[in-house]
Amino acid sequence: MHKKDSQAVILNYDPELARKFKKASEKKVEIQDFIQEFLSQFLSPDTKTAYIKDLRFFFDFLALGNVHISHPGDIQSFHFQLYRDHLLERGLSSATINRRLVCIRSFIKWAIASKLMEHNPLDAVKLPKVQTESPTVAFDDDEVVQMINAPDTNTHKGRTHRLVMVLLFHLGLRRSELTHLRLGQFGRDRGHVILSVHGKGDKTRLVPLNEYVFQEIQNYLDALKVEGVELLQEDYLLQTESKSKNDRPMDGSTIFRIIERYARKLGINKSVSPHSCRATVISHLLDTQHTAIRDVASFAGHANITTTERYDKRRNNLDKNAAYQVNFEIKKA
């Protein structure tokens, strides 16, 4: 190697990168080491948090039976089967059980791909059948209007609550998508005002804003300016205070309390949540507006239209049952 080339290599040496390589090559001695490497493939903090939670449930269950796993290869099919049966006995929903079990399967598949295991011990264990009907309760159309109009918009808190419900009911956002919205996610594309939503699985979808939603957001921003707060691109849209900016997103439990509070205030005797708003707009598009299900799935960020069908709360409406459309006219000879 020429002297000049040698100097270039020294000048380009990155100690931080070298530290990362050394850490990655270190021998792993605990299951947590493998879990951290498994999680490194995901970009979304929410995805990582969900996987950590579900994997911890599994390993804590094994520890209760004095089984301590230090390597993915220590996991046996009967561990998985007993855990599945434990979840079923607890009466958890089939969707929750499947999510927790699929998390473990994903971990094992990663271990096999990483040459840590030769075969999948979980292949022989069946998952419970997922319930096809979502238990989430939706709002009626008139209840949506009442909910949005309920907050006192003469106060900052009331204006924030109104915007929360406008965005939930009109854009079908998930709670985490809503709380993490930043002003910079709004923009223009091909003549449309759009919102770039960072959804599940690190996926991004573009949702255009109609004139009503755009004006509601503008009204909120204008009111903040009057209070002396002007949001920048990196600022969170939902502001908990009127005189200063949030340095963290609004807590998800606050969104839940907003929906619960106004539903109770209006005498809506249903067990509702922010997810009810999402179920409502999907059902509204499918039933009232007769929107094509694939378009609704794209709007909601569903990879599979089967998921979208589960959100349709009004498809069991007997008044519109297909049975009423059957009409075999008997022709007279």
C-alpha atoms as a PDB file:
ATOM      1  CA  MET A   1       0.000   0.000   0.000  1.00  0.00           C
ATOM      2  CA  HIS A   2       1.310   3.454  -0.852  1.00  0.00           C
ATOM      3  CA  LYS A   3       2.079   5.865   1.956  1.00  0.00           C
ATOM      4  CA  LYS A   4      -0.596   8.251   0.699  1.00  0.00           C
ATOM      5  CA  ASP A   5      -3.249   5.490   0.774  1.00  0.00           C
ATOM      6  CA  SER A   6      -2.198   4.495   4.309  1.00  0.00           C
ATOM      7  CA  GLN A   7      -2.680   8.047   5.516  1.00  0.00           C
ATOM      8  CA  ALA A   8      -6.141   8.189   3.927  1.00  0.00           C
ATOM      9  CA  VAL A   9      -7.215   5.048   5.840  1.00  0.00           C
ATOM     10  CA  ILE A  10      -6.010   6.510   9.154  1.00  0.00           C
ATOM     11  CA  LEU A  11      -7.784   9.803   8.516  1.00  0.00           C
ATOM     12  CA  ASN A  12     -11.038   7.994   7.748  1.00  0.00           C
ATOM     13  CA  TYR A  13     -10.960   5.784  10.850  1.00  0.00           C
ATOM     14  CA  ASP A  14     -14.261   5.985  12.738  1.00  0.00           C
ATOM     15  CA  PRO A  15     -13.924   4.860  16.388  1.00  0.00           C
ATOM     16  CA  GLU A  16     -17.700   4.840  16.905  1.00  0.00           C
ATOM     17  CA  LEU A  17     -18.184   2.502  13.948  1.00  0.00           C
ATOM     18  CA  ALA A  18     -15.372   0.295  15.238  1.00  0.00           C
ATOM     19  CA  ARG A  19     -17.106   0.104  18.622  1.00  0.00           C
ATOM     20  CA  LYS A  20     -20.335  -0.995  16.940  1.00  0.00           C
ATOM     21  CA  PHE A  21     -18.539  -3.744  14.992  1.00  0.00           C
ATOM     22  CA  LYS A  22     -16.857  -4.984  18.163  1.00  0.00           C
ATOM     23  CA  LYS A  23     -20.123  -5.012  20.088  1.00  0.00           C
ATOM     24  CA  ALA A  24     -21.910  -6.900  17.281  1.00  0.00           C
ATOM     25  CA  SER A  25     -19.200  -9.565  17.224  1.00  0.00           C
ATOM     26  CA  GLU A  26     -19.171 -10.140  20.984  1.00  0.00           C
ATOM     27  CA  LYS A  27     -20.446 -13.500  22.149  1.00  0.00           C
ATOM     28  CA  LYS A  28     -23.994 -13.405  23.419  1.00  0.00           C
ATOM     29  CA  VAL A  29     -24.591 -15.153  26.728  1.00  0.00           C
ATOM     30  CA  GLU A  30     -28.151 -14.117  27.684  1.00  0.00           C
ATOM     31  CA  ILE A  31     -31.488 -14.243  25.883  1.00  0.00           C
ATOM     32  CA  GLN A  32     -31.724 -10.447  26.190  1.00  0.00           C
ATOM     33  CA  ASP A  33     -28.649 -10.136  23.962  1.00  0.00           C
ATOM     34  CA  PHE A  34     -30.402 -12.102  21.223  1.00  0.00           C
ATOM     35  CA  ILE A  35     -33.624 -10.134  21.682  1.00  0.00           C
ATOM     36  CA  GLN A  36     -31.793  -6.831  21.245  1.00  0.00           C
ATOM     37  CA  GLU A  37     -30.207  -8.071  18.021  1.00  0.00           C
ATOM     38  CA  PHE A  38     -33.602  -9.312  16.809  1.00  0.00           C
ATOM     39  CA  LEU A  39     -35.134  -5.873  17.507  1.00  0.00           C
ATOM     40  CA  SER A  40     -32.383  -4.038  15.611  1.00  0.00           C
ATOM     41  CA  GLN A  41     -34.062  -4.949  12.303  1.00  0.00           C
ATOM     42  CA  PHE A  42     -37.081  -2.753  13.151  1.00  0.00           C
ATOM     43  CA  LEU A  43     -37.091   1.030  12.749  1.00  0.00           C
ATOM     44  CA  SER A  44     -40.269   1.995  14.589  1.00  0.00           C
ATOM     45  CA  PRO A  45     -39.908   2.513  18.373  1.00  0.00           C
ATOM     46  CA  ASP A  46     -43.540   1.417  18.793  1.00  0.00           C
ATOM     47  CA  THR A  47     -42.841  -1.865  16.983  1.00  0.00           C
ATOM     48  CA  LYS A  48     -39.819  -2.521  19.167  1.00  0.00           C
ATOM     49  CA  THR A  49     -41.779  -1.765  22.329  1.00  0.00           C
ATOM     50  CA  ALA A  50     -44.593  -4.122  21.297  1.00  0.00           C
ATOM     51  CA  TYR A  51     -42.162  -6.980  20.545  1.00  0.00           C
ATOM     52  CA  ILE A  52     -40.274  -6.474  23.822  1.00  0.00           C
ATOM     53  CA  LYS A  53     -43.536  -6.588  25.763  1.00  0.00           C
ATOM     54  CA  ASP A  54     -44.823  -9.751  24.080  1.00  0.00           C
ATOM     55  CA  LEU A  55     -41.475 -11.579  24.335  1.00  0.00           C
ATOM     56  CA  ARG A  56     -41.208 -10.665  28.014  1.00  0.00           C
ATOM     57  CA  PHE A  57     -44.638 -12.223  28.650  1.00  0.00           C
ATOM     58  CA  PHE A  58     -43.376 -15.495  27.153  1.00  0.00           C
ATOM     59  CA  PHE A  59     -40.066 -15.665  29.017  1.00  0.00           C
ATOM     60  CA  ASP A  60     -41.690 -14.599  32.301  1.00  0.00           C
ATOM     61  CA  PHE A  61     -44.182 -17.456  31.878  1.00  0.00           C
ATOM     62  CA  LEU A  62     -41.347 -19.944  31.384  1.00  0.00           C
ATOM     63  CA  ALA A  63     -39.551 -18.575  34.450  1.00  0.00           C
ATOM     64  CA  LEU A  64     -42.648 -19.304  36.549  1.00  0.00           C
ATOM     65  CA  GLY A  65     -42.064 -22.979  35.732  1.00  0.00           C
ATOM     66  CA  ASN A  66     -38.348 -22.677  36.544  1.00  0.00           C
ATOM     67  CA  VAL A  67     -37.389 -22.701  32.857  1.00  0.00           C
ATOM     68  CA  HIS A  68     -34.687 -20.152  32.055  1.00  0.00           C
ATOM     69  CA  ILE A  69     -33.812 -19.597  28.404  1.00  0.00           C
ATOM     70  CA  SER A  70     -30.362 -18.270  27.516  1.00  0.00           C
ATOM     71  CA  HIS A  71     -30.309 -19.112  23.782  1.00  0.00           C
ATOM     72  CA  PRO A  72     -33.093 -19.287  21.146  1.00  0.00           C
ATOM     73  CA  GLY A  73     -32.151 -22.935  20.589  1.00  0.00           C
ATOM     74  CA  ASP A  74     -33.329 -23.715  24.129  1.00  0.00           C
ATOM     75  CA  ILE A  75     -36.949 -23.018  23.165  1.00  0.00           C
ATOM     76  CA  GLN A  76     -38.913 -26.232  22.663  1.00  0.00           C
ATOM     77  CA  SER A  77     -42.281 -26.870  21.029  1.00  0.00           C
ATOM     78  CA  PHE A  78     -43.883 -27.851  24.344  1.00  0.00           C
ATOM     79  CA  HIS A  79     -42.845 -24.470  25.835  1.00  0.00           C
ATOM     80  CA  PHE A  80     -44.785 -22.757  23.056  1.00  0.00           C
ATOM     81  CA  GLN A  81     -47.767 -25.124  23.348  1.00  0.00           C
ATOM     82  CA  LEU A  82     -48.070 -24.715  27.129  1.00  0.00           C
ATOM     83  CA  TYR A  83     -47.847 -20.937  26.752  1.00  0.00           C
ATOM     84  CA  ARG A  84     -50.601 -20.988  24.116  1.00  0.00           C
ATOM     85  CA  ASP A  85     -52.833 -23.050  26.418  1.00  0.00           C
ATOM     86  CA  HIS A  86     -52.077 -20.686  29.308  1.00  0.00           C
ATOM     87  CA  LEU A  87     -53.225 -17.693  27.244  1.00  0.00           C
ATOM     88  CA  LEU A  88     -56.404 -19.511  26.210  1.00  0.00           C
ATOM     89  CA  GLU A  89     -57.175 -20.394  29.828  1.00  0.00           C
ATOM     90  CA  ARG A  90     -56.835 -16.734  30.783  1.00  0.00           C
ATOM     91  CA  GLY A  91     -59.697 -15.930  28.413  1.00  0.00           C
ATOM     92  CA  LEU A  92     -57.758 -13.461  26.262  1.00  0.00           C
ATOM     93  CA  SER A  93     -59.135 -12.627  22.830  1.00  0.00           C
ATOM     94  CA  SER A  94     -57.948 -14.767  19.939  1.00  0.00           C
ATOM     95  CA  ALA A  95     -56.412 -11.679  18.308  1.00  0.00           C
ATOM     96  CA  THR A  96     -54.323 -10.925  21.425  1.00  0.00           C
ATOM     97  CA  ILE A  97     -53.243 -14.553  21.760  1.00  0.00           C
ATOM     98  CA  ASN A  98     -52.230 -14.753  18.114  1.00  0.00           C
ATOM     99  CA  ARG A  99     -50.284 -11.492  18.314  1.00  0.00           C
ATOM    100  CA  ARG A 100     -48.263 -12.771  21.278  1.00  0.00           C
ATOM    101  CA  LEU A 101     -47.609 -16.132  19.643  1.00  0.00           C
ATOM    102  CA  VAL A 102     -46.714 -14.657  16.252  1.00  0.00           C
ATOM    103  CA  CYS A 103     -44.166 -12.472  18.026  1.00  0.00           C
ATOM    104  CA  ILE A 104     -42.399 -15.575  19.360  1.00  0.00           C
ATOM    105  CA  ARG A 105     -42.561 -17.243  15.945  1.00  0.00           C
ATOM    106  CA  SER A 106     -40.981 -14.170  14.368  1.00  0.00           C
ATOM    107  CA  PHE A 107     -38.161 -14.340  16.911  1.00  0.00           C
ATOM    108  CA  ILE A 108     -37.555 -18.016  16.117  1.00  0.00           C
ATOM    109  CA  LYS A 109     -37.619 -17.398  12.345  1.00  0.00           C
ATOM    110  CA  TRP A 110     -35.025 -14.662  12.821  1.00  0.00           C
ATOM    111  CA  ALA A 111     -32.880 -17.074  14.879  1.00  0.00           C
ATOM    112  CA  ILE A 112     -33.046 -19.675  12.085  1.00  0.00           C
ATOM    113  CA  ALA A 113     -32.160 -17.084   9.441  1.00  0.00           C
ATOM    114  CA  SER A 114     -29.234 -16.022  11.648  1.00  0.00           C
ATOM    115  CA  LYS A 115     -27.977 -19.649  11.786  1.00  0.00           C
ATOM    116  CA  LEU A 116     -28.643 -19.849  15.528  1.00  0.00           C
ATOM    117  CA  MET A 117     -31.049 -22.763  15.037  1.00  0.00           C
ATOM    118  CA  GLU A 118     -31.418 -25.474  12.402  1.00  0.00           C
ATOM    119  CA  HIS A 119     -35.170 -26.075  12.532  1.00  0.00           C
ATOM    120  CA  ASN A 120     -38.326 -24.404  13.835  1.00  0.00           C
ATOM    121  CA  PRO A 121     -39.716 -26.255  16.886  1.00  0.00           C
ATOM    122  CA  LEU A 122     -42.914 -24.205  16.712  1.00  0.00           C
ATOM    123  CA  ASP A 123     -44.101 -25.403  13.300  1.00  0.00           C
ATOM    124  CA  ALA A 124     -46.052 -28.286  14.816  1.00  0.00           C
ATOM    125  CA  VAL A 125     -48.041 -26.044  17.194  1.00  0.00           C
ATOM    126  CA  LYS A 126     -51.259 -24.581  15.812  1.00  0.00           C
ATOM    127  CA  LEU A 127     -52.432 -21.067  16.574  1.00  0.00           C
ATOM    128  CA  PRO A 128     -56.031 -20.496  17.708  1.00  0.00           C
ATOM    129  CA  LYS A 129     -58.458 -19.325  15.062  1.00  0.00           C
ATOM    130  CA  VAL A 130     -58.704 -15.544  15.001  1.00  0.00           C
ATOM    131  CA  GLN A 131     -62.102 -14.062  15.739  1.00  0.00           C
ATOM    132  CA  THR A 132     -63.299 -12.478  12.494  1.00  0.00           C
ATOM    133  CA  GLU A 133     -65.534  -9.859  14.128  1.00  0.00           C
ATOM    134  CA  SER A 134     -63.820  -6.959  15.860  1.00  0.00           C
ATOM    135  CA  PRO A 135     -65.273  -6.268  19.347  1.00  0.00           C
ATOM    136  CA  THR A 136     -64.710  -2.504  19.001  1.00  0.00           C
ATOM    137  CA  VAL A 137     -67.961  -0.505  19.291  1.00  0.00           C
ATOM    138  CA  ALA A 138     -68.564   2.208  16.688  1.00  0.00           C
ATOM    139  CA  PHE A 139     -70.466   5.498  16.871  1.00  0.00           C
ATOM    140  CA  ASP A 140     -73.568   6.360  14.845  1.00  0.00           C
ATOM    141  CA  ASP A 141     -73.302   9.240  12.363  1.00  0.00           C
ATOM    142  CA  ASP A 142     -75.307  11.641  14.518  1.00  0.00           C
ATOM    143  CA  GLU A 143     -73.184  10.743  17.544  1.00  0.00           C
ATOM    144  CA  VAL A 144     -70.058  11.685  15.583  1.00  0.00           C
ATOM    145  CA  VAL A 145     -71.454  15.166  14.907  1.00  0.00           C
ATOM    146  CA  GLN A 146     -72.429  15.580  18.562  1.00  0.00           C
ATOM    147  CA  MET A 147     -68.990  14.470  19.762  1.00  0.00           C
ATOM    148  CA  ILE A 148     -67.101  16.887  17.484  1.00  0.00           C
ATOM    149  CA  ASN A 149     -69.341  19.828  18.439  1.00  0.00           C
ATOM    150  CA  ALA A 150     -69.277  19.116  22.194  1.00  0.00           C
ATOM    151  CA  PRO A 151     -65.977  20.808  23.254  1.00  0.00           C
ATOM    152  CA  ASP A 152     -65.901  24.494  24.225  1.00  0.00           C
ATOM    153  CA  THR A 153     -63.814  26.050  21.456  1.00  0.00           C
ATOM    154  CA  ASN A 154     -63.426  29.292  23.420  1.00  0.00           C
ATOM    155  CA  THR A 155     -60.661  27.526  25.360  1.00  0.00           C
ATOM    156  CA  HIS A 156     -57.387  26.011  24.164  1.00  0.00           C
ATOM    157  CA  LYS A 157     -58.272  22.685  25.771  1.00  0.00           C
ATOM    158  CA  GLY A 158     -61.634  22.636  23.983  1.00  0.00           C
ATOM    159  CA  ARG A 159     -60.037  23.464  20.637  1.00  0.00           C
ATOM    160  CA  THR A 160     -57.489  20.676  21.118  1.00  0.00           C
ATOM    161  CA  HIS A 161     -60.204  18.188  22.039  1.00  0.00           C
ATOM    162  CA  ARG A 162     -62.217  19.143  18.969  1.00  0.00           C
ATOM    163  CA  LEU A 163     -59.215  18.712  16.657  1.00  0.00           C
ATOM    164  CA  VAL A 164     -58.443  15.330  18.232  1.00  0.00           C
ATOM    165  CA  MET A 165     -61.933  14.110  17.352  1.00  0.00           C
ATOM    166  CA  VAL A 166     -61.926  15.661  13.867  1.00  0.00           C
ATOM    167  CA  LEU A 167     -58.703  13.835  13.015  1.00  0.00           C
ATOM    168  CA  LEU A 168     -59.820  10.538  14.561  1.00  0.00           C
ATOM    169  CA  PHE A 169     -63.270  10.511  12.980  1.00  0.00           C
ATOM    170  CA  HIS A 170     -62.289  11.902   9.574  1.00  0.00           C
ATOM    171  CA  LEU A 171     -58.855  10.376   8.982  1.00  0.00           C
ATOM    172  CA  GLY A 172     -59.233   7.097  10.883  1.00  0.00           C
ATOM    173  CA  LEU A 173     -55.890   7.557  12.603  1.00  0.00           C
ATOM    174  CA  ARG A 174     -54.585   5.133  15.182  1.00  0.00           C
ATOM    175  CA  ARG A 175     -53.982   6.663  18.594  1.00  0.00           C
ATOM    176  CA  SER A 176     -50.175   6.556  18.298  1.00  0.00           C
ATOM    177  CA  GLU A 177     -50.336   8.001  14.771  1.00  0.00           C
ATOM    178  CA  LEU A 178     -52.347  10.940  16.109  1.00  0.00           C
ATOM    179  CA  THR A 179     -50.233  11.736  19.161  1.00  0.00           C
ATOM    180  CA  HIS A 180     -46.981  11.699  17.156  1.00  0.00           C
ATOM    181  CA  LEU A 181     -48.223  13.973  14.358  1.00  0.00           C
ATOM    182  CA  ARG A 182     -45.809  16.791  13.556  1.00  0.00           C
ATOM    183  CA  LEU A 183     -46.562  19.850  11.457  1.00  0.00           C
ATOM    184  CA  GLY A 184     -43.948  18.770   8.915  1.00  0.00           C
ATOM    185  CA  GLN A 185     -46.036  15.718   7.999  1.00  0.00           C
ATOM    186  CA  PHE A 186     -48.528  17.975   6.209  1.00  0.00           C
ATOM    187  CA  GLY A 187     -47.788  19.079   2.676  1.00  0.00           C
ATOM    188  CA  ARG A 188     -48.997  19.195  -0.926  1.00  0.00           C
ATOM    189  CA  ASP A 189     -48.868  16.567  -3.633  1.00  0.00           C
ATOM    190  CA  ARG A 190     -50.349  16.794  -7.133  1.00  0.00           C
ATOM    191  CA  GLY A 191     -52.805  19.486  -6.117  1.00  0.00           C
ATOM    192  CA  HIS A 192     -53.870  17.806  -2.865  1.00  0.00           C
ATOM    193  CA  VAL A 193     -53.212  18.838   0.708  1.00  0.00           C
ATOM    194  CA  ILE A 194     -51.896  15.598   2.210  1.00  0.00           C
ATOM    195  CA  LEU A 195     -50.841  14.094   5.503  1.00  0.00           C
ATOM    196  CA  SER A 196     -47.969  11.611   5.538  1.00  0.00           C
ATOM    197  CA  VAL A 197     -48.932   9.087   8.226  1.00  0.00           C
ATOM    198  CA  HIS A 198     -46.256   6.915   9.817  1.00  0.00           C
ATOM    199  CA  GLY A 199     -48.213   3.755  10.566  1.00  0.00           C
ATOM    200  CA  LYS A 200     -47.747   0.192  11.724  1.00  0.00           C
ATOM    201  CA  GLY A 201     -44.790  -1.816  10.514  1.00  0.00           C
ATOM    202  CA  ASP A 202     -42.776   1.301   9.671  1.00  0.00           C
ATOM    203  CA  LYS A 203     -45.118   1.908   6.727  1.00  0.00           C
ATOM    204  CA  THR A 204     -46.049   5.371   5.478  1.00  0.00           C
ATOM    205  CA  ARG A 205     -49.334   6.199   3.764  1.00  0.00           C
ATOM    206  CA  LEU A 206     -50.547   9.447   2.228  1.00  0.00           C
ATOM    207  CA  VAL A 207     -53.985  10.659   3.285  1.00  0.00           C
ATOM    208  CA  PRO A 208     -55.463  13.676   1.457  1.00  0.00           C
ATOM    209  CA  LEU A 209     -57.310  16.247   3.563  1.00  0.00           C
ATOM    210  CA  ASN A 210     -60.726  17.462   2.498  1.00  0.00           C
ATOM    211  CA  GLU A 211     -61.588  21.152   2.893  1.00  0.00           C
ATOM    212  CA  TYR A 212     -63.333  20.614   6.248  1.00  0.00           C
ATOM    213  CA  VAL A 213     -60.368  18.877   7.906  1.00  0.00           C
ATOM    214  CA  PHE A 214     -57.878  21.344   6.421  1.00  0.00           C
ATOM    215  CA  GLN A 215     -59.865  24.298   7.775  1.00  0.00           C
ATOM    216  CA  GLU A 216     -60.153  22.716  11.232  1.00  0.00           C
ATOM    217  CA  ILE A 217     -56.362  22.355  11.393  1.00  0.00           C
ATOM    218  CA  GLN A 218     -55.881  25.910  10.132  1.00  0.00           C
ATOM    219  CA  ASN A 219     -58.284  27.259  12.752  1.00  0.00           C
ATOM    220  CA  TYR A 220     -56.321  25.466  15.458  1.00  0.00           C
ATOM    221  CA  LEU A 221     -52.987  26.840  14.230  1.00  0.00           C
ATOM    222  CA  ASP A 222     -54.416  30.360  13.933  1.00  0.00           C
ATOM    223  CA  ALA A 223     -55.701  30.225  17.512  1.00  0.00           C
ATOM    224  CA  LEU A 224     -52.237  29.161  18.705  1.00  0.00           C
ATOM    225  CA  LYS A 225     -50.692  32.134  16.901  1.00  0.00           C
ATOM    226  CA  VAL A 226     -53.071  34.482  18.710  1.00  0.00           C
ATOM    227  CA  GLU A 227     -51.742  32.982  21.957  1.00  0.00           C
ATOM    228  CA  GLY A 228     -48.197  33.698  20.792  1.00  0.00           C
ATOM    229  CA  VAL A 229     -47.284  30.140  19.745  1.00  0.00           C
ATOM    230  CA  GLU A 230     -46.269  29.497  16.127  1.00  0.00           C
ATOM    231  CA  LEU A 231     -45.500  25.883  15.311  1.00  0.00           C
ATOM    232  CA  LEU A 232     -42.479  24.891  13.250  1.00  0.00           C
ATOM    233  CA  GLN A 233     -42.178  21.842  10.975  1.00  0.00           C
ATOM    234  CA  GLU A 234     -40.668  19.672  13.724  1.00  0.00           C
ATOM    235  CA  ASP A 235     -43.277  20.602  16.363  1.00  0.00           C
ATOM    236  CA  TYR A 236     -46.074  18.287  17.442  1.00  0.00           C
ATOM    237  CA  LEU A 237     -49.470  19.359  16.089  1.00  0.00           C
ATOM    238  CA  LEU A 238     -51.401  18.688  19.298  1.00  0.00           C
ATOM    239  CA  GLN A 239     -50.314  21.141  21.974  1.00  0.00           C
ATOM    240  CA  THR A 240     -51.321  20.555  25.604  1.00  0.00           C
ATOM    241  CA  GLU A 241     -50.591  24.157  26.601  1.00  0.00           C
ATOM    242  CA  SER A 242     -51.516  27.389  24.844  1.00  0.00           C
ATOM    243  CA  LYS A 243     -48.527  29.459  25.969  1.00  0.00           C
ATOM    244  CA  SER A 244     -45.638  27.069  25.270  1.00  0.00           C
ATOM    245  CA  LYS A 245     -44.755  24.149  22.974  1.00  0.00           C
ATOM    246  CA  ASN A 246     -44.735  20.444  23.851  1.00  0.00           C
ATOM    247  CA  ASP A 247     -41.311  18.828  23.851  1.00  0.00           C
ATOM    248  CA  ARG A 248     -42.979  15.405  23.924  1.00  0.00           C
ATOM    249  CA  PRO A 249     -46.075  13.970  22.188  1.00  0.00           C
ATOM    250  CA  MET A 250     -49.428  14.007  23.948  1.00  0.00           C
ATOM    251  CA  ASP A 251     -49.920  10.907  26.084  1.00  0.00           C
ATOM    252  CA  GLY A 252     -52.069   8.223  24.472  1.00  0.00           C
ATOM    253  CA  SER A 253     -54.152   7.859  27.647  1.00  0.00           C
ATOM    254  CA  THR A 254     -55.194  11.516  27.262  1.00  0.00           C
ATOM    255  CA  ILE A 255     -56.758  10.690  23.881  1.00  0.00           C
ATOM    256  CA  PHE A 256     -58.651   7.825  25.502  1.00  0.00           C
ATOM    257  CA  ARG A 257     -59.983  10.095  28.266  1.00  0.00           C
ATOM    258  CA  ILE A 258     -61.102  12.723  25.743  1.00  0.00           C
ATOM    259  CA  ILE A 259     -63.275  10.234  23.856  1.00  0.00           C
ATOM    260  CA  GLU A 260     -64.613   8.665  27.036  1.00  0.00           C
ATOM    261  CA  ARG A 261     -65.378  12.049  28.621  1.00  0.00           C
ATOM    262  CA  TYR A 262     -67.476  13.469  25.796  1.00  0.00           C
ATOM    263  CA  ALA A 263     -69.288  10.197  25.145  1.00  0.00           C
ATOM    264  CA  ARG A 264     -70.325  10.101  28.798  1.00  0.00           C
ATOM    265  CA  LYS A 265     -71.245  13.802  28.748  1.00  0.00           C
ATOM    266  CA  LEU A 266     -73.540  13.243  25.751  1.00  0.00           C
ATOM    267  CA  GLY A 267     -75.159  10.182  27.319  1.00  0.00           C
ATOM    268  CA  ILE A 268     -73.703   7.768  24.764  1.00  0.00           C
ATOM    269  CA  ASN A 269     -73.982   4.532  26.688  1.00  0.00           C
ATOM    270  CA  LYS A 270     -71.376   2.514  24.847  1.00  0.00           C
ATOM    271  CA  SER A 271     -67.974   1.192  25.774  1.00  0.00           C
ATOM    272  CA  VAL A 272     -66.034   3.451  23.412  1.00  0.00           C
ATOM    273  CA  SER A 273     -62.378   4.307  22.869  1.00  0.00           C
ATOM    274  CA  PRO A 274     -60.211   6.127  20.287  1.00  0.00           C
ATOM    275  CA  HIS A 275     -60.285   2.901  18.293  1.00  0.00           C
ATOM    276  CA  SER A 276     -64.077   3.284  18.090  1.00  0.00           C
ATOM    277  CA  CYS A 277     -63.525   6.438  16.021  1.00  0.00           C
ATOM    278  CA  ARG A 278     -61.373   4.489  13.564  1.00  0.00           C
ATOM    279  CA  ALA A 279     -63.967   1.707  13.375  1.00  0.00           C
ATOM    280  CA  THR A 280     -66.671   4.341  12.814  1.00  0.00           C
ATOM    281  CA  VAL A 281     -65.079   6.034   9.811  1.00  0.00           C
ATOM    282  CA  ILE A 282     -64.232   2.700   8.168  1.00  0.00           C
ATOM    283  CA  SER A 283     -67.793   1.489   8.682  1.00  0.00           C
ATOM    284  CA  HIS A 284     -69.149   4.833   7.438  1.00  0.00           C
ATOM    285  CA  LEU A 285     -67.149   4.596   4.212  1.00  0.00           C
ATOM    286  CA  LEU A 286     -68.141   0.998   3.549  1.00  0.00           C
ATOM    287  CA  ASP A 287     -71.815   1.217   4.470  1.00  0.00           C
ATOM    288  CA  THR A 288     -73.002   4.796   3.971  1.00  0.00           C
ATOM    289  CA  GLN A 289     -70.685   5.996   1.230  1.00  0.00           C
ATOM    290  CA  HIS A 290     -70.351   2.593  -0.509  1.00  0.00           C
ATOM    291  CA  THR A 291     -66.611   3.154  -0.976  1.00  0.00           C
ATOM    292  CA  ALA A 292     -64.718   0.235  -2.553  1.00  0.00           C
ATOM    293  CA  ILE A 293     -63.195  -1.898   0.177  1.00  0.00           C
ATOM    294  CA  ARG A 294     -59.698  -1.750  -1.348  1.00  0.00           C
ATOM    295  CA  ASP A 295     -59.827   2.065  -1.257  1.00  0.00           C
ATOM    296  CA  VAL A 296     -60.901   1.946   2.388  1.00  0.00           C
ATOM    297  CA  ALA A 297     -58.092  -0.497   3.216  1.00  0.00           C
ATOM    298  CA  SER A 298     -55.566   1.893   1.645  1.00  0.00           C
ATOM    299  CA  PHE A 299     -57.047   4.828   3.562  1.00  0.00           C
ATOM    300  CA  ALA A 300     -56.852   2.917   6.858  1.00  0.00           C
ATOM    301  CA  GLY A 301     -53.384   1.513   6.266  1.00  0.00           C
ATOM    302  CA  HIS A 302     -54.519  -2.124   6.202  1.00  0.00           C
ATOM    303  CA  ALA A 303     -52.278  -4.525   4.288  1.00  0.00           C
ATOM    304  CA  ASN A 304     -55.130  -7.027   3.969  1.00  0.00           C
ATOM    305  CA  ILE A 305     -58.773  -6.222   3.170  1.00  0.00           C
ATOM    306  CA  THR A 306     -59.845  -8.972   5.591  1.00  0.00           C
ATOM    307  CA  THR A 307     -58.741  -6.637   8.379  1.00  0.00           C
ATOM    308  CA  THR A 308     -60.882  -3.868   6.910  1.00  0.00           C
ATOM    309  CA  GLU A 309     -63.929  -6.141   6.822  1.00  0.00           C
ATOM    310  CA  ARG A 310     -63.605  -6.789  10.545  1.00  0.00           C
ATOM    311  CA  TYR A 311     -64.023  -3.067  11.203  1.00  0.00           C
ATOM    312  CA  ASP A 312     -67.320  -2.847   9.344  1.00  0.00           C
ATOM    313  CA  LYS A 313     -69.697  -2.523  12.293  1.00  0.00           C
ATOM    314  CA  ARG A 314     -72.879  -2.147  10.273  1.00  0.00           C
ATOM    315  CA  ARG A 315     -72.681  -5.049   7.872  1.00  0.00           C
ATOM    316  CA  ASN A 316     -75.029  -7.057  10.107  1.00  0.00           C
ATOM    317  CA  ASN A 317     -77.801  -4.522   9.554  1.00  0.00           C
ATOM    318  CA  LEU A 318     -80.855  -6.714   8.886  1.00  0.00           C
ATOM    319  CA  ASP A 319     -82.679  -3.888   7.081  1.00  0.00           C
ATOM    320  CA  LYS A 320     -80.101  -4.132   4.276  1.00  0.00           C
ATOM    321  CA  ASN A 321     -79.578  -7.857   4.358  1.00  0.00           C
ATOM    322  CA  ALA A 322     -79.050  -9.407   0.940  1.00  0.00           C
ATOM    323  CA  ALA A 323     -81.942 -11.772   1.608  1.00  0.00           C
ATOM    324  CA  TYR A 324     -84.313  -8.917   0.783  1.00  0.00           C
ATOM    325  CA  GLN A 325     -82.773  -8.639  -2.681  1.00  0.00           C
ATOM    326  CA  VAL A 326     -83.682 -12.197  -3.681  1.00  0.00           C
ATOM    327  CA  ASN A 327     -86.514 -12.056  -6.187  1.00  0.00           C
ATOM    328  CA  PHE A 328     -87.153 -15.061  -8.410  1.00  0.00           C
ATOM    329  CA  GLU A 329     -90.087 -14.020 -10.530  1.00  0.00           C
ATOM    330  CA  ILE A 330     -92.226 -17.006 -11.457  1.00  0.00           C
ATOM    331  CA  LYS A 331     -93.264 -16.540 -15.037  1.00  0.00           C
ATOM    332  CA  LYS A 332     -96.665 -17.750 -16.035  1.00  0.00           C
ATOM    333  CA  ALA A 333     -96.845 -20.143 -18.911  1.00  0.00           C
END
